[in-house]
Amino acid sequence: MKEIVIPFAVGISIFLFGMQLMNIGLNNLAANKLKEILTRFTKTPFHGFLTGTVITMIMQSSSAVSVITIGLTNARLLTFPQTIGIILGTNIGTTITTQIIALNIYEYSLPLFLIGAILWFLPWHAFRCLGLTLAGFGCIFIGMEGMQFIANPIQETGIFRYLVDLGSENSVIGVLIGTAITAAIQSSTATTAITMSFISEQIIPLSMGIAIVLGSNVGTCMTAWIASFGGTISAVRVAWSHIILNLVGVLLFVPLISILASAATMITHNPSAQVAHAQTIFNVICSLAVLPFARQFGAFIEFLIPQRRQ
C-alpha cells in the first residue's frame, strides 16, 4: 500500500503547491485589481461571462473566483444577476490549465521551476510574481510525474480493478468518484490532472476518465457552497446557481459520454489531451447554451430561493 500512498501523497502535494504558487503569482501580477474588475465589468451577463473567463484564466481557480464573487455579493458590491455571467465564465476559464498540462512538457518542469526560483530573488515585483508563476507551473508537472509512479502498484489492487470495472459499465460511478475526489482536495484541476495521468498510463478507459472529469465539475461547487454559509440571500443564490448549472450540465451529458469521447479522439490521439479536450467541450457547450438565457435562469433561482422575510 505504501507504494501507492506515498508517491500519490507527495505528487498531489507538489501539484497543489504549484497551483497555489501560480495563483499567488498571477494574482499579484494583476496588481490586486481583480475585485475592482469584477465589480466594474459585469453590468450584463455577456460582460460578466467574458470577465469571469479571463479572471479564472488569470487565477487558475474557478473556486477562488466563485468565493470572491460570493464575498462581493455579501458586501453588496455585486447584485445576484451580475454573478450569473461570471459563473458561466469560470467554467470555461478553468479549462486553460488542463489544456496546458495536455501539452506534455514534462521535460521542462525542472527548468521552469529553477528559472522561477531565480526570478523570485530579483528585486523587481513583476519578475518576482512571474517567478512564482513559472515555479508553480514547474511544480505542477513535477507533481504529475510523481503521481505516475503509482500506475503499476495501483493496477494490482483488487478494489481498484473492481472500481474500474464498475465505472466502465456505469458512468455514474465515475461521476461520483470525480465528485468525491474534488470535494476532498478542493481542486477540479487536480482531479482532472490525476485522471489524465491514469489515462496516459492506460489505467482507466477514456469513458471512465471523462465521467470522473464531469464529476469534478460538481465537486468543485463544494467550496462556493461552504463560502455561502451565513451569507446574504444573494450569496446563497450565487452558490446554488453554481451547483445547479454544473449538476444539470453533468446529468445531461452523462448519457452522451461516448459521443464526447468520440469527439475528443477525433481531435487528437494523445490520451491525456483527449481528457482535456472533453472537459473543454463540455464546459464550453454548457456555458454558451445557458448564456443567452442568463437573466431567465437568474429569475428561476430567485424564485427557487426567495428573499427572507424580515
C-alpha atoms as a PDB file:
ATOM      1  CA  MET A   1       0.000   0.000   0.000  1.00  0.00           C
ATOM      2  CA  LYS A   2       2.869   2.412   0.741  1.00  0.00           C
ATOM      3  CA  GLU A   3       3.959   2.099  -2.921  1.00  0.00           C
ATOM      4  CA  ILE A   4       0.673   3.836  -3.758  1.00  0.00           C
ATOM      5  CA  VAL A   5       0.035   6.180  -0.838  1.00  0.00           C
ATOM      6  CA  ILE A   6       3.486   7.795  -0.563  1.00  0.00           C
ATOM      7  CA  PRO A   7       4.043   8.664  -4.271  1.00  0.00           C
ATOM      8  CA  PHE A   8       0.435   9.833  -4.598  1.00  0.00           C
ATOM      9  CA  ALA A   9       0.585  11.971  -1.438  1.00  0.00           C
ATOM     10  CA  VAL A  10       3.886  13.538  -2.479  1.00  0.00           C
ATOM     11  CA  GLY A  11       2.751  14.060  -6.072  1.00  0.00           C
ATOM     12  CA  ILE A  12      -0.617  15.635  -5.222  1.00  0.00           C
ATOM     13  CA  SER A  13       1.001  17.829  -2.535  1.00  0.00           C
ATOM     14  CA  ILE A  14       3.570  19.182  -5.014  1.00  0.00           C
ATOM     15  CA  PHE A  15       0.824  19.650  -7.621  1.00  0.00           C
ATOM     16  CA  LEU A  16      -1.445  21.617  -5.249  1.00  0.00           C
ATOM     17  CA  PHE A  17       1.556  23.625  -4.013  1.00  0.00           C
ATOM     18  CA  GLY A  18       2.301  24.515  -7.627  1.00  0.00           C
ATOM     19  CA  MET A  19      -1.318  25.587  -8.167  1.00  0.00           C
ATOM     20  CA  GLN A  20      -1.062  27.829  -5.105  1.00  0.00           C
ATOM     21  CA  LEU A  21       2.208  29.388  -6.312  1.00  0.00           C
ATOM     22  CA  MET A  22       0.621  30.107  -9.690  1.00  0.00           C
ATOM     23  CA  ASN A  23      -2.426  31.588  -8.008  1.00  0.00           C
ATOM     24  CA  ILE A  24      -0.321  33.927  -5.856  1.00  0.00           C
ATOM     25  CA  GLY A  25       1.977  34.948  -8.703  1.00  0.00           C
ATOM     26  CA  LEU A  26      -0.759  35.635 -11.253  1.00  0.00           C
ATOM     27  CA  ASN A  27      -2.958  37.329  -8.671  1.00  0.00           C
ATOM     28  CA  ASN A  28      -0.158  39.741  -7.746  1.00  0.00           C
ATOM     29  CA  LEU A  29       0.681  40.376 -11.397  1.00  0.00           C
ATOM     30  CA  ALA A  30      -2.871  41.641 -11.764  1.00  0.00           C
ATOM     31  CA  ALA A  31      -1.980  44.258  -9.115  1.00  0.00           C
ATOM     32  CA  ASN A  32      -4.865  43.107  -6.906  1.00  0.00           C
ATOM     33  CA  LYS A  33      -7.365  44.668  -9.325  1.00  0.00           C
ATOM     34  CA  LEU A  34      -9.490  41.521  -9.612  1.00  0.00           C
ATOM     35  CA  LYS A  35     -12.240  42.697  -7.262  1.00  0.00           C
ATOM     36  CA  GLU A  36     -12.413  46.080  -8.971  1.00  0.00           C
ATOM     37  CA  ILE A  37     -12.631  44.402 -12.383  1.00  0.00           C
ATOM     38  CA  LEU A  38     -15.411  42.092 -11.194  1.00  0.00           C
ATOM     39  CA  THR A  39     -17.485  44.993  -9.910  1.00  0.00           C
ATOM     40  CA  ARG A  40     -16.901  47.252 -12.939  1.00  0.00           C
ATOM     41  CA  PHE A  41     -17.149  44.905 -15.927  1.00  0.00           C
ATOM     42  CA  THR A  42     -20.152  42.737 -15.106  1.00  0.00           C
ATOM     43  CA  LYS A  43     -23.049  45.010 -15.989  1.00  0.00           C
ATOM     44  CA  THR A  44     -24.531  42.484 -18.432  1.00  0.00           C
ATOM     45  CA  PRO A  45     -24.394  38.659 -18.425  1.00  0.00           C
ATOM     46  CA  PHE A  46     -22.150  38.714 -21.515  1.00  0.00           C
ATOM     47  CA  HIS A  47     -19.685  41.135 -19.902  1.00  0.00           C
ATOM     48  CA  GLY A  48     -19.736  39.021 -16.754  1.00  0.00           C
ATOM     49  CA  PHE A  49     -19.115  35.925 -18.854  1.00  0.00           C
ATOM     50  CA  LEU A  50     -16.034  37.433 -20.505  1.00  0.00           C
ATOM     51  CA  THR A  51     -14.770  38.826 -17.205  1.00  0.00           C
ATOM     52  CA  GLY A  52     -15.270  35.523 -15.381  1.00  0.00           C
ATOM     53  CA  THR A  53     -13.455  33.641 -18.132  1.00  0.00           C
ATOM     54  CA  VAL A  54     -10.444  35.975 -18.176  1.00  0.00           C
ATOM     55  CA  ILE A  55     -10.103  36.260 -14.386  1.00  0.00           C
ATOM     56  CA  THR A  56     -10.353  32.483 -13.942  1.00  0.00           C
ATOM     57  CA  MET A  57      -7.636  32.101 -16.588  1.00  0.00           C
ATOM     58  CA  ILE A  58      -5.509  34.515 -14.549  1.00  0.00           C
ATOM     59  CA  MET A  59      -6.189  32.962 -11.146  1.00  0.00           C
ATOM     60  CA  GLN A  60      -6.312  29.367 -12.419  1.00  0.00           C
ATOM     61  CA  SER A  61      -9.069  28.544  -9.942  1.00  0.00           C
ATOM     62  CA  SER A  62     -12.801  28.648 -10.585  1.00  0.00           C
ATOM     63  CA  SER A  63     -13.383  28.022  -6.871  1.00  0.00           C
ATOM     64  CA  ALA A  64     -11.334  31.102  -5.930  1.00  0.00           C
ATOM     65  CA  VAL A  65     -13.269  33.315  -8.353  1.00  0.00           C
ATOM     66  CA  SER A  66     -16.558  31.896  -7.072  1.00  0.00           C
ATOM     67  CA  VAL A  67     -15.560  32.630  -3.472  1.00  0.00           C
ATOM     68  CA  ILE A  68     -14.515  36.205  -4.380  1.00  0.00           C
ATOM     69  CA  THR A  69     -17.827  36.646  -6.205  1.00  0.00           C
ATOM     70  CA  ILE A  70     -19.760  35.440  -3.158  1.00  0.00           C
ATOM     71  CA  GLY A  71     -17.746  37.811  -0.952  1.00  0.00           C
ATOM     72  CA  LEU A  72     -18.532  40.770  -3.208  1.00  0.00           C
ATOM     73  CA  THR A  73     -22.196  39.763  -3.260  1.00  0.00           C
ATOM     74  CA  ASN A  74     -22.218  39.553   0.538  1.00  0.00           C
ATOM     75  CA  ALA A  75     -20.729  43.050   0.630  1.00  0.00           C
ATOM     76  CA  ARG A  76     -23.475  44.185  -1.787  1.00  0.00           C
ATOM     77  CA  LEU A  77     -20.878  45.302  -4.333  1.00  0.00           C
ATOM     78  CA  LEU A  78     -22.381  42.841  -6.818  1.00  0.00           C
ATOM     79  CA  THR A  79     -26.032  42.005  -7.354  1.00  0.00           C
ATOM     80  CA  PHE A  80     -27.065  38.406  -7.870  1.00  0.00           C
ATOM     81  CA  PRO A  81     -27.987  38.850 -11.586  1.00  0.00           C
ATOM     82  CA  GLN A  82     -24.465  40.194 -12.248  1.00  0.00           C
ATOM     83  CA  THR A  83     -22.939  36.945 -10.972  1.00  0.00           C
ATOM     84  CA  ILE A  84     -24.606  34.579 -13.461  1.00  0.00           C
ATOM     85  CA  GLY A  85     -22.295  35.548 -16.324  1.00  0.00           C
ATOM     86  CA  ILE A  86     -19.244  35.327 -14.034  1.00  0.00           C
ATOM     87  CA  ILE A  87     -20.108  31.759 -13.020  1.00  0.00           C
ATOM     88  CA  LEU A  88     -20.586  30.711 -16.643  1.00  0.00           C
ATOM     89  CA  GLY A  89     -17.210  32.241 -17.489  1.00  0.00           C
ATOM     90  CA  THR A  90     -15.369  30.475 -14.652  1.00  0.00           C
ATOM     91  CA  ASN A  91     -16.329  27.096 -16.093  1.00  0.00           C
ATOM     92  CA  ILE A  92     -14.502  27.918 -19.322  1.00  0.00           C
ATOM     93  CA  GLY A  93     -11.531  29.724 -17.762  1.00  0.00           C
ATOM     94  CA  THR A  94     -10.723  26.736 -15.561  1.00  0.00           C
ATOM     95  CA  THR A  95     -10.031  24.535 -18.604  1.00  0.00           C
ATOM     96  CA  ILE A  96      -6.937  26.511 -19.612  1.00  0.00           C
ATOM     97  CA  THR A  97      -4.622  24.820 -17.081  1.00  0.00           C
ATOM     98  CA  THR A  98      -5.623  21.324 -18.182  1.00  0.00           C
ATOM     99  CA  GLN A  99      -5.047  22.297 -21.805  1.00  0.00           C
ATOM    100  CA  ILE A 100      -1.534  23.444 -20.867  1.00  0.00           C
ATOM    101  CA  ILE A 101      -0.941  20.216 -18.915  1.00  0.00           C
ATOM    102  CA  ALA A 102      -2.056  18.260 -22.004  1.00  0.00           C
ATOM    103  CA  LEU A 103       0.926  19.692 -23.916  1.00  0.00           C
ATOM    104  CA  ASN A 104       3.088  17.115 -22.058  1.00  0.00           C
ATOM    105  CA  ILE A 105       6.038  19.453 -21.480  1.00  0.00           C
ATOM    106  CA  TYR A 106       7.331  17.371 -18.567  1.00  0.00           C
ATOM    107  CA  GLU A 107      10.937  17.721 -19.680  1.00  0.00           C
ATOM    108  CA  TYR A 108      10.690  21.458 -18.995  1.00  0.00           C
ATOM    109  CA  SER A 109       9.302  21.083 -15.455  1.00  0.00           C
ATOM    110  CA  LEU A 110      12.621  21.364 -13.613  1.00  0.00           C
ATOM    111  CA  PRO A 111      13.966  24.209 -15.816  1.00  0.00           C
ATOM    112  CA  LEU A 112      10.687  26.110 -15.291  1.00  0.00           C
ATOM    113  CA  PHE A 113      10.995  25.679 -11.533  1.00  0.00           C
ATOM    114  CA  LEU A 114      14.662  26.771 -11.494  1.00  0.00           C
ATOM    115  CA  ILE A 115      14.019  29.815 -13.709  1.00  0.00           C
ATOM    116  CA  GLY A 116      11.100  30.757 -11.469  1.00  0.00           C
ATOM    117  CA  ALA A 117      13.277  30.432  -8.361  1.00  0.00           C
ATOM    118  CA  ILE A 118      15.937  32.692  -9.913  1.00  0.00           C
ATOM    119  CA  LEU A 119      13.348  35.324 -10.884  1.00  0.00           C
ATOM    120  CA  TRP A 120      11.996  35.265  -7.324  1.00  0.00           C
ATOM    121  CA  PHE A 121      15.301  36.590  -5.987  1.00  0.00           C
ATOM    122  CA  LEU A 122      15.306  39.602  -8.335  1.00  0.00           C
ATOM    123  CA  PRO A 123      14.349  42.954  -6.746  1.00  0.00           C
ATOM    124  CA  TRP A 124      11.533  43.791  -9.208  1.00  0.00           C
ATOM    125  CA  HIS A 125       7.950  42.988  -8.229  1.00  0.00           C
ATOM    126  CA  ALA A 126       6.814  41.874 -11.700  1.00  0.00           C
ATOM    127  CA  PHE A 127       9.776  39.494 -12.053  1.00  0.00           C
ATOM    128  CA  ARG A 128       9.138  38.018  -8.604  1.00  0.00           C
ATOM    129  CA  CYS A 129       5.472  37.384  -9.472  1.00  0.00           C
ATOM    130  CA  LEU A 130       6.478  35.862 -12.814  1.00  0.00           C
ATOM    131  CA  GLY A 131       8.977  33.696 -10.927  1.00  0.00           C
ATOM    132  CA  LEU A 132       6.223  32.362  -8.652  1.00  0.00           C
ATOM    133  CA  THR A 133       4.063  31.605 -11.686  1.00  0.00           C
ATOM    134  CA  LEU A 134       6.819  29.723 -13.538  1.00  0.00           C
ATOM    135  CA  ALA A 135       7.847  27.835 -10.392  1.00  0.00           C
ATOM    136  CA  GLY A 136       4.196  26.909  -9.912  1.00  0.00           C
ATOM    137  CA  PHE A 137       3.974  25.514 -13.439  1.00  0.00           C
ATOM    138  CA  GLY A 138       7.151  23.540 -12.821  1.00  0.00           C
ATOM    139  CA  CYS A 139       5.718  22.084  -9.591  1.00  0.00           C
ATOM    140  CA  ILE A 140       2.525  21.073 -11.386  1.00  0.00           C
ATOM    141  CA  PHE A 141       4.430  18.941 -13.890  1.00  0.00           C
ATOM    142  CA  ILE A 142       6.801  17.573 -11.235  1.00  0.00           C
ATOM    143  CA  GLY A 143       3.777  16.576  -9.162  1.00  0.00           C
ATOM    144  CA  MET A 144       2.143  14.837 -12.106  1.00  0.00           C
ATOM    145  CA  GLU A 145       5.320  12.915 -12.811  1.00  0.00           C
ATOM    146  CA  GLY A 146       5.373  11.806  -9.170  1.00  0.00           C
ATOM    147  CA  MET A 147       1.791  10.558  -9.354  1.00  0.00           C
ATOM    148  CA  GLN A 148       2.631   8.409 -12.370  1.00  0.00           C
ATOM    149  CA  PHE A 149       4.766   6.170 -10.133  1.00  0.00           C
ATOM    150  CA  ILE A 150       1.589   4.649  -8.695  1.00  0.00           C
ATOM    151  CA  ALA A 151       0.492   3.296 -12.092  1.00  0.00           C
ATOM    152  CA  ASN A 152       1.787  -0.269 -11.702  1.00  0.00           C
ATOM    153  CA  PRO A 153       1.061  -0.775  -7.955  1.00  0.00           C
ATOM    154  CA  ILE A 154      -2.488   0.557  -8.211  1.00  0.00           C
ATOM    155  CA  GLN A 155      -3.352  -1.758 -11.094  1.00  0.00           C
ATOM    156  CA  GLU A 156      -2.535  -4.724  -8.877  1.00  0.00           C
ATOM    157  CA  THR A 157      -5.040  -3.812  -6.150  1.00  0.00           C
ATOM    158  CA  GLY A 158      -8.311  -5.721  -6.231  1.00  0.00           C
ATOM    159  CA  ILE A 159     -10.528  -2.847  -5.115  1.00  0.00           C
ATOM    160  CA  PHE A 160      -9.164  -0.548  -7.830  1.00  0.00           C
ATOM    161  CA  ARG A 161      -9.783  -3.144 -10.544  1.00  0.00           C
ATOM    162  CA  TYR A 162     -13.297  -3.584  -9.164  1.00  0.00           C
ATOM    163  CA  LEU A 163     -13.956   0.184  -9.307  1.00  0.00           C
ATOM    164  CA  VAL A 164     -12.577   0.391 -12.854  1.00  0.00           C
ATOM    165  CA  ASP A 165     -14.810  -2.480 -13.989  1.00  0.00           C
ATOM    166  CA  LEU A 166     -17.796  -0.901 -12.261  1.00  0.00           C
ATOM    167  CA  GLY A 167     -17.025   2.569 -13.620  1.00  0.00           C
ATOM    168  CA  SER A 168     -16.544   1.231 -17.139  1.00  0.00           C
ATOM    169  CA  GLU A 169     -20.026  -0.305 -17.070  1.00  0.00           C
ATOM    170  CA  ASN A 170     -21.776   2.552 -15.260  1.00  0.00           C
ATOM    171  CA  SER A 171     -20.700   6.158 -15.915  1.00  0.00           C
ATOM    172  CA  VAL A 172     -22.499   7.356 -12.771  1.00  0.00           C
ATOM    173  CA  ILE A 173     -19.834   5.585 -10.684  1.00  0.00           C
ATOM    174  CA  GLY A 174     -17.135   7.625 -12.433  1.00  0.00           C
ATOM    175  CA  VAL A 175     -19.099  10.843 -11.851  1.00  0.00           C
ATOM    176  CA  LEU A 176     -19.431  10.034  -8.144  1.00  0.00           C
ATOM    177  CA  ILE A 177     -15.690   9.269  -7.889  1.00  0.00           C
ATOM    178  CA  GLY A 178     -14.829  12.597  -9.548  1.00  0.00           C
ATOM    179  CA  THR A 179     -17.243  14.478  -7.290  1.00  0.00           C
ATOM    180  CA  ALA A 180     -15.848  12.877  -4.119  1.00  0.00           C
ATOM    181  CA  ILE A 181     -12.173  13.417  -5.036  1.00  0.00           C
ATOM    182  CA  THR A 182     -12.725  17.069  -5.996  1.00  0.00           C
ATOM    183  CA  ALA A 183     -14.779  17.804  -2.879  1.00  0.00           C
ATOM    184  CA  ALA A 184     -11.958  16.302  -0.791  1.00  0.00           C
ATOM    185  CA  ILE A 185      -8.973  18.070  -2.394  1.00  0.00           C
ATOM    186  CA  GLN A 186     -10.885  21.234  -3.417  1.00  0.00           C
ATOM    187  CA  SER A 187      -9.454  21.362  -6.938  1.00  0.00           C
ATOM    188  CA  SER A 188     -11.166  20.184 -10.112  1.00  0.00           C
ATOM    189  CA  THR A 189      -7.921  20.859 -12.000  1.00  0.00           C
ATOM    190  CA  ALA A 190      -6.045  18.445  -9.739  1.00  0.00           C
ATOM    191  CA  THR A 191      -8.744  15.792 -10.237  1.00  0.00           C
ATOM    192  CA  THR A 192      -8.528  16.261 -13.998  1.00  0.00           C
ATOM    193  CA  ALA A 193      -4.717  16.077 -13.859  1.00  0.00           C
ATOM    194  CA  ILE A 194      -4.865  12.808 -11.893  1.00  0.00           C
ATOM    195  CA  THR A 195      -7.332  11.445 -14.447  1.00  0.00           C
ATOM    196  CA  MET A 196      -5.063  12.498 -17.311  1.00  0.00           C
ATOM    197  CA  SER A 197      -2.160  10.652 -15.673  1.00  0.00           C
ATOM    198  CA  PHE A 198      -4.263   7.487 -15.277  1.00  0.00           C
ATOM    199  CA  ILE A 199      -5.449   7.711 -18.881  1.00  0.00           C
ATOM    200  CA  SER A 200      -1.921   8.187 -20.247  1.00  0.00           C
ATOM    201  CA  GLU A 201      -0.780   5.105 -18.296  1.00  0.00           C
ATOM    202  CA  GLN A 202      -3.836   3.165 -19.562  1.00  0.00           C
ATOM    203  CA  ILE A 203      -5.030   2.514 -16.010  1.00  0.00           C
ATOM    204  CA  ILE A 204      -8.628   3.540 -16.761  1.00  0.00           C
ATOM    205  CA  PRO A 205     -10.600   3.755 -20.039  1.00  0.00           C
ATOM    206  CA  LEU A 206     -11.351   7.123 -21.637  1.00  0.00           C
ATOM    207  CA  SER A 207     -15.098   6.882 -20.948  1.00  0.00           C
ATOM    208  CA  MET A 208     -14.484   6.492 -17.219  1.00  0.00           C
ATOM    209  CA  GLY A 209     -11.937   9.312 -17.283  1.00  0.00           C
ATOM    210  CA  ILE A 210     -14.480  11.649 -18.869  1.00  0.00           C
ATOM    211  CA  ALA A 211     -17.083  10.621 -16.259  1.00  0.00           C
ATOM    212  CA  ILE A 212     -14.618  11.467 -13.469  1.00  0.00           C
ATOM    213  CA  VAL A 213     -13.926  14.869 -15.045  1.00  0.00           C
ATOM    214  CA  LEU A 214     -17.664  15.552 -15.307  1.00  0.00           C
ATOM    215  CA  GLY A 215     -17.973  14.687 -11.627  1.00  0.00           C
ATOM    216  CA  SER A 216     -15.187  17.129 -10.781  1.00  0.00           C
ATOM    217  CA  ASN A 217     -17.422  19.932 -12.063  1.00  0.00           C
ATOM    218  CA  VAL A 218     -19.940  19.055  -9.360  1.00  0.00           C
ATOM    219  CA  GLY A 219     -17.322  18.564  -6.630  1.00  0.00           C
ATOM    220  CA  THR A 220     -15.784  21.979  -7.240  1.00  0.00           C
ATOM    221  CA  CYS A 221     -19.081  23.611  -6.196  1.00  0.00           C
ATOM    222  CA  MET A 222     -18.439  22.492  -2.610  1.00  0.00           C
ATOM    223  CA  THR A 223     -16.097  25.442  -1.959  1.00  0.00           C
ATOM    224  CA  ALA A 224     -18.652  28.013  -3.098  1.00  0.00           C
ATOM    225  CA  TRP A 225     -21.390  26.292  -1.121  1.00  0.00           C
ATOM    226  CA  ILE A 226     -19.327  26.406   2.086  1.00  0.00           C
ATOM    227  CA  ALA A 227     -18.384  30.060   1.424  1.00  0.00           C
ATOM    228  CA  SER A 228     -22.076  30.992   1.271  1.00  0.00           C
ATOM    229  CA  PHE A 229     -22.813  29.776   4.818  1.00  0.00           C
ATOM    230  CA  GLY A 230     -24.159  32.621   6.927  1.00  0.00           C
ATOM    231  CA  GLY A 231     -24.125  34.997   3.977  1.00  0.00           C
ATOM    232  CA  THR A 232     -26.828  37.144   2.412  1.00  0.00           C
ATOM    233  CA  ILE A 233     -29.612  35.598   0.372  1.00  0.00           C
ATOM    234  CA  SER A 234     -27.835  36.787  -2.792  1.00  0.00           C
ATOM    235  CA  ALA A 235     -24.673  34.924  -1.794  1.00  0.00           C
ATOM    236  CA  VAL A 236     -26.688  31.754  -1.201  1.00  0.00           C
ATOM    237  CA  ARG A 237     -28.253  32.184  -4.645  1.00  0.00           C
ATOM    238  CA  VAL A 238     -24.794  32.520  -6.221  1.00  0.00           C
ATOM    239  CA  ALA A 239     -23.653  29.256  -4.628  1.00  0.00           C
ATOM    240  CA  TRP A 240     -26.782  27.353  -5.618  1.00  0.00           C
ATOM    241  CA  SER A 241     -26.775  28.709  -9.161  1.00  0.00           C
ATOM    242  CA  HIS A 242     -23.233  27.341  -9.482  1.00  0.00           C
ATOM    243  CA  ILE A 243     -24.341  23.962  -8.140  1.00  0.00           C
ATOM    244  CA  ILE A 244     -27.464  23.737 -10.307  1.00  0.00           C
ATOM    245  CA  LEU A 245     -25.683  24.807 -13.501  1.00  0.00           C
ATOM    246  CA  ASN A 246     -22.937  22.221 -13.084  1.00  0.00           C
ATOM    247  CA  LEU A 247     -25.187  19.445 -11.807  1.00  0.00           C
ATOM    248  CA  VAL A 248     -27.745  19.809 -14.615  1.00  0.00           C
ATOM    249  CA  GLY A 249     -24.961  20.003 -17.199  1.00  0.00           C
ATOM    250  CA  VAL A 250     -23.400  16.791 -15.894  1.00  0.00           C
ATOM    251  CA  LEU A 251     -26.743  14.961 -15.783  1.00  0.00           C
ATOM    252  CA  LEU A 252     -27.445  15.963 -19.393  1.00  0.00           C
ATOM    253  CA  PHE A 253     -24.005  14.849 -20.576  1.00  0.00           C
ATOM    254  CA  VAL A 254     -23.751  11.503 -18.759  1.00  0.00           C
ATOM    255  CA  PRO A 255     -25.727   9.687 -21.499  1.00  0.00           C
ATOM    256  CA  LEU A 256     -23.535  11.436 -24.114  1.00  0.00           C
ATOM    257  CA  ILE A 257     -20.138  10.389 -22.718  1.00  0.00           C
ATOM    258  CA  SER A 258     -19.479   8.023 -25.633  1.00  0.00           C
ATOM    259  CA  ILE A 259     -20.170  10.871 -28.090  1.00  0.00           C
ATOM    260  CA  LEU A 260     -17.914  13.180 -26.086  1.00  0.00           C
ATOM    261  CA  ALA A 261     -15.179  10.518 -26.140  1.00  0.00           C
ATOM    262  CA  SER A 262     -15.533  10.116 -29.913  1.00  0.00           C
ATOM    263  CA  ALA A 263     -15.272  13.878 -30.432  1.00  0.00           C
ATOM    264  CA  ALA A 264     -12.129  14.046 -28.272  1.00  0.00           C
ATOM    265  CA  THR A 265     -10.459  11.147 -30.121  1.00  0.00           C
ATOM    266  CA  MET A 266     -11.198  12.840 -33.439  1.00  0.00           C
ATOM    267  CA  ILE A 267      -9.296  15.927 -32.276  1.00  0.00           C
ATOM    268  CA  THR A 268      -6.179  14.130 -31.008  1.00  0.00           C
ATOM    269  CA  HIS A 269      -4.678  10.680 -30.492  1.00  0.00           C
ATOM    270  CA  ASN A 270      -2.937  11.798 -27.288  1.00  0.00           C
ATOM    271  CA  PRO A 271      -4.854  10.066 -24.434  1.00  0.00           C
ATOM    272  CA  SER A 272      -4.300  12.767 -21.782  1.00  0.00           C
ATOM    273  CA  ALA A 273      -5.142  15.531 -24.269  1.00  0.00           C
ATOM    274  CA  GLN A 274      -8.396  13.718 -25.068  1.00  0.00           C
ATOM    275  CA  VAL A 275      -9.470  14.193 -21.435  1.00  0.00           C
ATOM    276  CA  ALA A 276      -8.577  17.897 -21.538  1.00  0.00           C
ATOM    277  CA  HIS A 277     -10.470  18.401 -24.812  1.00  0.00           C
ATOM    278  CA  ALA A 278     -13.524  16.527 -23.496  1.00  0.00           C
ATOM    279  CA  GLN A 279     -13.573  18.781 -20.429  1.00  0.00           C
ATOM    280  CA  THR A 280     -13.274  21.908 -22.593  1.00  0.00           C
ATOM    281  CA  ILE A 281     -16.045  20.790 -24.976  1.00  0.00           C
ATOM    282  CA  PHE A 282     -18.372  20.056 -22.054  1.00  0.00           C
ATOM    283  CA  ASN A 283     -17.741  23.369 -20.283  1.00  0.00           C
ATOM    284  CA  VAL A 284     -17.951  25.496 -23.424  1.00  0.00           C
ATOM    285  CA  ILE A 285     -21.210  23.901 -24.591  1.00  0.00           C
ATOM    286  CA  CYS A 286     -22.854  24.160 -21.163  1.00  0.00           C
ATOM    287  CA  SER A 287     -21.848  27.790 -20.622  1.00  0.00           C
ATOM    288  CA  LEU A 288     -22.747  29.004 -24.118  1.00  0.00           C
ATOM    289  CA  ALA A 289     -26.083  27.162 -24.010  1.00  0.00           C
ATOM    290  CA  VAL A 290     -27.127  28.974 -20.815  1.00  0.00           C
ATOM    291  CA  LEU A 291     -25.605  32.418 -21.562  1.00  0.00           C
ATOM    292  CA  PRO A 292     -28.491  33.712 -23.782  1.00  0.00           C
ATOM    293  CA  PHE A 293     -30.923  32.758 -21.006  1.00  0.00           C
ATOM    294  CA  ALA A 294     -28.835  34.074 -18.098  1.00  0.00           C
ATOM    295  CA  ARG A 295     -31.481  36.559 -16.945  1.00  0.00           C
ATOM    296  CA  GLN A 296     -34.233  33.931 -17.057  1.00  0.00           C
ATOM    297  CA  PHE A 297     -32.017  31.491 -15.174  1.00  0.00           C
ATOM    298  CA  GLY A 298     -31.350  34.154 -12.552  1.00  0.00           C
ATOM    299  CA  ALA A 299     -35.095  34.745 -12.182  1.00  0.00           C
ATOM    300  CA  PHE A 300     -35.590  30.977 -11.721  1.00  0.00           C
ATOM    301  CA  ILE A 301     -33.001  30.881  -8.919  1.00  0.00           C
ATOM    302  CA  GLU A 302     -34.655  33.879  -7.262  1.00  0.00           C
ATOM    303  CA  PHE A 303     -37.979  32.031  -7.429  1.00  0.00           C
ATOM    304  CA  LEU A 304     -36.358  28.862  -6.085  1.00  0.00           C
ATOM    305  CA  ILE A 305     -34.634  30.728  -3.210  1.00  0.00           C
ATOM    306  CA  PRO A 306     -36.974  33.598  -2.269  1.00  0.00           C
ATOM    307  CA  GLN A 307     -35.989  36.628  -0.240  1.00  0.00           C
ATOM    308  CA  ARG A 308     -36.127  36.018   3.509  1.00  0.00           C
ATOM    309  CA  ARG A 309     -38.878  37.815   5.346  1.00  0.00           C
ATOM    310  CA  GLN A 310     -37.661  40.485   7.736  1.00  0.00           C
END
